[in-house]
Each structure stands twice: as C-alpha cells, then as structure tokens.
Amino acid sequence: VKPKITSFTPPSGSTGTLVTINGSGFIQTTAVKFGTVLATTFTVVSDSEVTADVPSGLSAGPVTISITTPGGTANSPTKFTVN
C-alpha cells in the first residue's frame, strides 16, 4: 500500500515542534523526513496518523514532509515552514 499524506498540523514550527501528519497507509512507516533531514523521533499513532518532531539541522524556510513505508514514499501536498 502506497502511503498518502493529506494534511499536517501545525503549518510551521522550530526544531523540536511536534507535528501531526494525517493521511493513509502509515502503519508500516520506516522513516519521516523534513526536506532531506530524517526525523529522529516519530510515532505511528495509527494507519492514518503519524507524529514527528521537527529535527535539528534544518535551514529556515519551507520544506516538504515525506513518509516512507515498504509501499513507497508519500510527500506532503503543502510545505512545512521551519522557523
């Protein structure tokens, strides 16, 4: 099953902000990325929700959130703004 990201909250934040990502196909998530940086902490809450902390090492500005599972990689439809 290919994952799909439909939304996330909040729309922006700094390092350490907990972001809730909504969509489908998340149950076997192996990685969450903000831009090119791996989130070191993420939790699969359900098949439709993953939470992740914004990792350090990101430059300020917009980045795409991506979730990787054995079924593929999903990219967020909008960008998260790193403060």
Protein backbone atom coordinates (compact mmCIF):
# COMPACT_ATOMS: atom_id res chain seq x y z
CA VAL A 1 0.00 0.00 0.00
CA LYS A 2 1.47 3.34 -1.05
CA PRO A 3 1.19 5.92 1.73
CA LYS A 4 -0.57 9.25 1.18
CA ILE A 5 -0.23 12.46 3.20
CA THR A 6 -3.37 14.61 3.17
CA SER A 7 -2.50 17.24 5.80
CA PHE A 8 -0.35 18.13 8.79
CA THR A 9 -0.51 20.48 11.78
CA PRO A 10 0.87 22.90 12.78
CA PRO A 11 1.84 24.51 9.42
CA SER A 12 5.13 25.83 10.84
CA GLY A 13 7.45 25.46 13.81
CA SER A 14 11.01 25.28 15.05
CA THR A 15 13.27 22.34 15.93
CA GLY A 16 11.54 20.02 18.38
CA THR A 17 7.98 21.02 17.40
CA LEU A 18 5.66 18.00 17.40
CA VAL A 19 3.94 17.75 14.02
CA THR A 20 0.85 15.58 13.48
CA ILE A 21 0.71 14.15 9.95
CA ASN A 22 -2.59 12.79 8.61
CA GLY A 23 -3.24 10.54 5.64
CA SER A 24 -3.34 6.82 4.95
CA GLY A 25 -1.09 3.77 4.67
CA PHE A 26 1.14 4.81 7.58
CA ILE A 27 1.08 1.63 9.70
CA GLN A 28 4.49 0.37 8.47
CA THR A 29 6.28 3.75 8.43
CA THR A 30 10.06 3.33 8.42
CA ALA A 31 11.11 6.98 8.05
CA VAL A 32 9.79 10.52 8.30
CA LYS A 33 11.74 13.35 6.66
CA PHE A 34 11.52 17.12 6.77
CA GLY A 35 13.15 18.12 3.50
CA THR A 36 16.30 15.97 3.37
CA VAL A 37 16.64 15.59 7.15
CA LEU A 38 15.39 12.46 8.90
CA ALA A 39 13.15 12.98 11.92
CA THR A 40 14.94 11.20 14.76
CA THR A 41 11.72 10.81 16.72
CA PHE A 42 8.41 9.71 15.20
CA THR A 43 5.43 7.71 16.41
CA VAL A 44 2.95 5.75 14.30
CA VAL A 45 -0.31 6.52 16.09
CA SER A 46 -2.49 4.69 13.56
CA ASP A 47 -2.66 3.84 9.86
CA SER A 48 -3.87 7.42 9.27
CA GLU A 49 -1.75 9.39 11.76
CA VAL A 50 1.96 9.81 12.48
CA THR A 51 3.54 12.32 14.84
CA ALA A 52 7.12 13.51 14.37
CA ASP A 53 9.44 16.03 15.99
CA VAL A 54 11.00 18.61 13.68
CA PRO A 55 14.67 17.55 13.51
CA SER A 56 17.66 19.82 14.07
CA GLY A 57 19.89 20.74 11.17
CA LEU A 58 17.20 22.34 9.03
CA SER A 59 17.54 25.79 7.50
CA ALA A 60 14.65 28.20 8.00
CA GLY A 61 12.09 28.12 5.20
CA PRO A 62 9.64 25.76 3.52
CA VAL A 63 10.30 22.01 3.36
CA THR A 64 8.29 19.04 2.15
CA ILE A 65 7.39 16.39 4.73
CA SER A 66 7.75 12.82 3.48
CA ILE A 67 6.82 9.45 4.93
CA THR A 68 8.42 6.22 3.74
CA THR A 69 6.89 2.75 4.12
CA PRO A 70 7.60 -0.58 2.39
CA GLY A 71 4.91 0.51 -0.11
CA GLY A 72 6.65 3.69 -1.18
CA THR A 73 7.14 7.32 -0.21
CA ALA A 74 4.47 9.99 0.21
CA ASN A 75 5.15 13.73 0.06
CA SER A 76 3.05 16.37 1.79
CA PRO A 77 0.73 18.35 -0.53
CA THR A 78 1.91 21.62 1.06
CA LYS A 79 5.20 22.64 2.63
CA PHE A 80 6.02 22.93 6.34
CA THR A 81 7.73 26.19 7.27
CA VAL A 82 10.77 25.85 9.52
CA ASN A 83 11.07 28.92 11.77
